[in-house]
Protein backbone atom coordinates (compact mmCIF):
# COMPACT_ATOMS: atom_id res chain seq x y z
CA MET A 1 -4.67 -3.08 1.26
CA GLY A 2 -5.50 -2.58 4.98
CA GLY A 3 -6.79 -3.83 8.35
CA VAL A 4 -7.91 -3.06 11.94
CA SER A 5 -6.13 -4.91 14.73
CA GLN A 6 -2.85 -6.47 15.73
CA ARG A 7 -4.46 -9.45 17.53
CA GLN A 8 -4.55 -12.55 15.39
CA LEU A 9 -7.28 -15.07 14.59
CA CYS A 10 -5.48 -17.94 12.87
CA ALA A 11 -3.00 -18.06 10.02
CA ARG A 12 -5.43 -18.72 7.19
CA ARG A 13 -7.56 -15.72 8.19
CA HIS A 14 -4.81 -13.10 7.94
CA PRO A 15 -5.42 -11.06 4.79
CA LYS A 16 -2.24 -10.58 2.81
CA ALA A 17 -1.96 -7.39 0.78
CA ALA A 18 0.51 -6.45 -1.93
CA GLY A 19 0.87 -3.15 -3.71
CA PRO A 20 3.15 -0.11 -4.01
CA GLN A 21 2.50 3.07 -2.06
CA THR A 22 2.35 5.15 -5.25
CA CYS A 23 -0.52 3.20 -6.86
CA PRO A 24 -3.80 5.19 -6.71
CA TRP A 25 -5.91 2.04 -6.82
CA CYS A 26 -3.96 0.70 -3.85
CA ILE A 27 -4.75 3.65 -1.59
CA ILE A 28 -8.39 3.43 -2.68
CA GLY A 29 -8.27 -0.27 -1.83
CA VAL A 30 -6.79 0.41 1.61
CA TYR A 31 -9.51 2.92 2.45
CA ARG A 32 -12.20 0.64 1.04
CA LEU A 33 -11.06 -2.38 3.05
CA ASP A 34 -10.79 -0.33 6.23
CA LYS A 35 -14.34 0.94 5.67
CA VAL A 36 -15.68 -2.58 5.15
CA LEU A 37 -13.99 -3.90 8.28
CA ALA A 38 -15.08 -0.96 10.43
CA GLU A 39 -18.71 -0.97 9.26
CA ARG A 40 -19.43 -4.66 8.71
CA PHE A 41 -17.01 -6.42 11.08
CA PRO A 42 -16.65 -4.04 14.04
CA GLY A 43 -14.58 -5.46 16.84
CA VAL A 44 -13.39 -8.46 14.82
CA PRO A 45 -9.63 -8.84 15.35
CA ILE A 46 -7.98 -8.96 11.93
CA ASN A 47 -4.31 -8.42 11.19
CA ILE A 48 -3.41 -7.38 7.63
CA ARG A 49 0.03 -8.40 6.43
CA HIS A 50 1.62 -6.25 3.72
CA HIS A 51 4.08 -7.61 1.17
CA PRO A 52 6.27 -5.62 -1.25
CA VAL A 53 5.64 -5.18 -4.95
CA LEU A 54 8.12 -3.09 -6.95
CA LEU A 55 6.37 -1.84 -10.08
CA MET A 56 9.16 0.59 -11.01
CA PRO A 57 12.43 -0.76 -9.58
CA TYR A 58 14.29 1.48 -12.05
CA CYS A 59 12.81 4.72 -10.70
CA PRO A 60 15.66 7.18 -9.98
CA PRO A 61 16.00 8.83 -6.55
CA GLU A 62 14.70 12.15 -7.89
CA GLY A 63 11.58 10.45 -9.17
CA LEU A 64 9.76 10.52 -12.51
CA ARG A 65 7.03 12.86 -13.71
CA ILE A 66 3.68 11.06 -13.76
CA PRO A 67 2.38 12.86 -16.89
CA ASP A 68 5.51 11.66 -18.71
CA LEU A 69 4.97 8.10 -17.47
CA LEU A 70 1.33 8.09 -18.55
CA LYS A 71 2.26 9.29 -22.02
CA ALA A 72 5.20 6.89 -22.45
CA ARG A 73 3.45 3.81 -21.05
CA HIS A 74 -0.15 4.28 -22.10
CA GLY A 75 -0.20 7.07 -24.67
CA ILE A 76 -2.27 9.24 -22.30
CA THR A 77 -1.91 12.93 -23.03
CA ASP A 78 -4.75 14.15 -20.79
CA PRO A 79 -4.06 12.95 -17.23
CA ALA A 80 -7.16 14.69 -15.87
CA ALA A 81 -9.37 12.48 -18.04
CA ALA A 82 -7.53 9.35 -16.85
CA TRP A 83 -8.00 10.40 -13.23
CA ARG A 84 -11.79 10.85 -13.32
CA ARG A 85 -12.57 7.22 -12.48
CA PRO A 86 -10.18 6.86 -9.50
CA HIS A 87 -11.37 10.21 -8.18
CA ALA A 88 -14.97 8.99 -8.31
CA GLU A 89 -14.13 5.61 -6.75
CA ALA A 90 -12.20 7.28 -3.93
CA ARG A 91 -15.16 9.32 -2.68
CA ALA A 92 -17.21 6.36 -1.35
CA PRO A 93 -14.69 5.31 1.34
CA GLY A 94 -14.16 8.95 2.30
CA LEU A 95 -10.85 9.53 0.53
CA ASP A 96 -10.28 13.08 -0.74
CA LEU A 97 -8.11 12.01 -3.65
CA ASP A 98 -6.86 14.54 -6.18
CA LEU A 99 -4.12 12.97 -8.26
CA SER A 100 -3.10 16.31 -9.71
CA ARG A 101 -1.65 17.20 -6.30
CA GLN A 102 1.21 14.70 -6.70
CA PRO A 103 3.02 15.09 -10.04
CA MET A 104 5.87 12.69 -9.23
CA ALA A 105 6.42 8.95 -8.83
CA TYR A 106 9.21 8.12 -6.38
CA PRO A 107 11.20 4.95 -5.59
CA THR A 108 9.30 2.72 -3.16
CA LEU A 109 12.06 0.31 -2.10
CA PRO A 110 12.95 2.30 1.05
CA ALA A 111 9.27 2.62 2.04
CA HIS A 112 8.69 -1.10 1.49
CA THR A 113 11.73 -1.81 3.68
CA LEU A 114 10.31 0.31 6.48
CA ILE A 115 6.93 -1.38 6.11
CA ARG A 116 8.53 -4.82 6.24
CA PHE A 117 10.22 -3.93 9.52
CA ALA A 118 7.03 -2.40 10.98
CA ALA A 119 5.49 -5.87 11.09
CA THR A 120 7.78 -6.54 14.08
CA ARG A 121 6.35 -3.51 15.91
CA GLY A 122 2.70 -4.28 15.25
CA THR A 123 2.16 -1.05 13.34
CA GLN A 124 2.50 -2.22 9.75
CA HIS A 125 -0.95 -1.41 8.40
CA GLU A 126 -1.12 1.98 10.09
CA LEU A 127 2.31 2.80 8.65
CA VAL A 128 1.23 1.76 5.15
CA ARG A 129 -1.76 4.09 5.31
CA ALA A 130 0.38 6.94 6.69
CA ILE A 131 2.93 6.59 3.88
CA MET A 132 0.18 6.53 1.26
CA ASP A 133 -1.45 9.59 2.81
CA ALA A 134 1.90 11.40 2.84
CA TYR A 135 2.38 10.66 -0.85
CA PHE A 136 -1.11 11.22 -2.24
CA LEU A 137 -2.63 13.75 0.16
CA ASP A 138 0.42 15.72 1.31
CA SER A 139 2.40 15.43 -1.96
CA LEU A 140 5.56 14.34 -0.14
CA ASP A 141 8.56 12.49 -1.53
CA ILE A 142 8.21 9.06 0.10
CA GLY A 143 11.57 8.03 -1.28
CA ASP A 144 13.21 10.62 0.97
CA VAL A 145 14.93 9.22 4.05
CA HIS A 146 13.87 12.09 6.31
CA VAL A 147 10.23 11.96 5.21
CA LEU A 148 10.13 8.24 5.97
CA ALA A 149 11.86 8.73 9.32
CA ASP A 150 9.32 11.35 10.37
CA ILE A 151 6.44 9.00 9.49
CA ALA A 152 8.15 6.08 11.21
CA ALA A 153 8.58 8.06 14.43
CA ARG A 154 4.79 8.44 14.65
CA HIS A 155 4.32 4.68 14.29
CA GLY A 156 6.56 3.09 16.87
CA ILE A 157 9.93 3.20 15.09
CA GLU A 158 12.75 5.43 16.29
CA ARG A 159 13.64 8.18 13.81
CA ASP A 160 17.40 7.52 13.71
CA PHE A 161 16.84 3.78 13.42
CA ALA A 162 14.45 4.33 10.50
CA ARG A 163 16.95 6.56 8.69
CA ALA A 164 19.60 3.85 8.94
CA LEU A 165 17.21 1.05 8.05
CA VAL A 166 15.99 2.48 4.74
CA VAL A 167 19.52 2.94 3.37
CA ASP A 168 21.00 -0.30 4.69
CA PRO A 169 22.09 -2.38 1.66
CA ALA A 170 21.31 -5.70 3.36
CA GLU A 171 17.83 -4.56 4.39
CA LEU A 172 17.09 -3.21 0.92
CA GLU A 173 18.24 -6.47 -0.64
CA GLN A 174 15.97 -8.45 1.67
CA THR A 175 13.05 -6.34 0.49
CA ARG A 176 14.01 -6.98 -3.14
CA GLU A 177 14.04 -10.71 -2.41
CA GLU A 178 10.57 -10.54 -0.85
CA ALA A 179 9.31 -8.58 -3.86
CA ALA A 180 10.75 -11.27 -6.12
CA GLY A 181 8.87 -13.81 -4.04
CA SER A 182 5.64 -11.89 -4.67
CA ARG A 183 6.30 -12.02 -8.42
CA ALA A 184 7.00 -15.75 -8.17
CA LYS A 185 3.52 -16.16 -6.68
CA ASP A 186 2.02 -14.38 -9.72
CA VAL A 187 1.41 -11.11 -7.91
CA THR A 188 1.74 -8.95 -11.01
CA MET A 189 -1.40 -6.81 -10.78
CA VAL A 190 -2.18 -4.52 -7.85
CA PRO A 191 -3.82 -4.16 -5.50
CA HIS A 192 -3.65 -7.88 -4.75
CA VAL A 193 -5.29 -9.06 -1.54
CA ALA A 194 -5.49 -12.65 -0.36
CA ILE A 195 -8.25 -13.25 2.19
CA GLY A 196 -8.59 -16.88 3.21
CA ASP A 197 -8.50 -18.88 -0.01
CA ARG A 198 -9.65 -15.98 -2.19
CA ALA A 199 -7.43 -13.60 -4.13
CA LEU A 200 -8.98 -10.20 -4.82
CA ILE A 201 -7.06 -8.68 -7.72
CA GLY A 202 -7.66 -5.08 -8.62
CA CYS A 203 -9.77 -2.60 -6.68
CA ARG A 204 -12.77 -4.73 -5.74
CA SER A 205 -16.17 -3.66 -4.47
CA GLU A 206 -17.09 -3.41 -0.81
CA ASP A 207 -19.46 -6.36 -1.19
CA GLU A 208 -16.74 -8.54 -2.73
CA ILE A 209 -14.37 -7.67 0.10
CA ALA A 210 -17.03 -8.36 2.72
CA ASP A 211 -17.90 -11.72 1.15
CA ALA A 212 -14.23 -12.78 1.22
CA VAL A 213 -13.81 -11.72 4.85
CA GLU A 214 -17.04 -13.48 5.85
CA ALA A 215 -15.92 -16.67 4.13
CA ALA A 216 -12.52 -16.56 5.87
CA LEU A 217 -14.06 -15.95 9.28
CA SER A 218 -16.49 -18.84 8.87
CA ARG A 219 -13.76 -21.41 8.22
């Protein structure tokens, strides 16, 4: 999920978020957390750290059709019915989500690699939101090197450097290792957000998020 500032409080107060950029509940969670922080904790310096989760490491470069995935994994033959709840949940934080706009799921390893690097530039959360917006709202292929490079260039990372980064075997392997570390810490359901000593698993309510932030800030 998301955050507001690059200044830091102290280590235990940094929310840690894990989730793939192609998960609808994760983009809803990002928007919801941003809304809570902006409305209930204005001016509070909080830095959100994002960690990789690879839900479909087998996804081919050309992607997979989401209707086919829903049918194969969950027996869902009417995607529109399955999308009603996330569509409704997305409206409260101001997200114009229409899952029918994006029919494909794409590999997220390159995007996670770019996000991992963005932590060194202080633009990680903003980049996460931009990649999610590109995927869900603009229906772009976020597994495409050039799409990622264009997004990176708007968030403090040189375009040519980004192109090289997201295809570098060593960088991709480092991201895989970090994703394995997330699994080792039992991060198997997303979104997964750790705020202080609380783990918020799944798309939690604004009040639950606010309570966790308040508890972390009071420590």
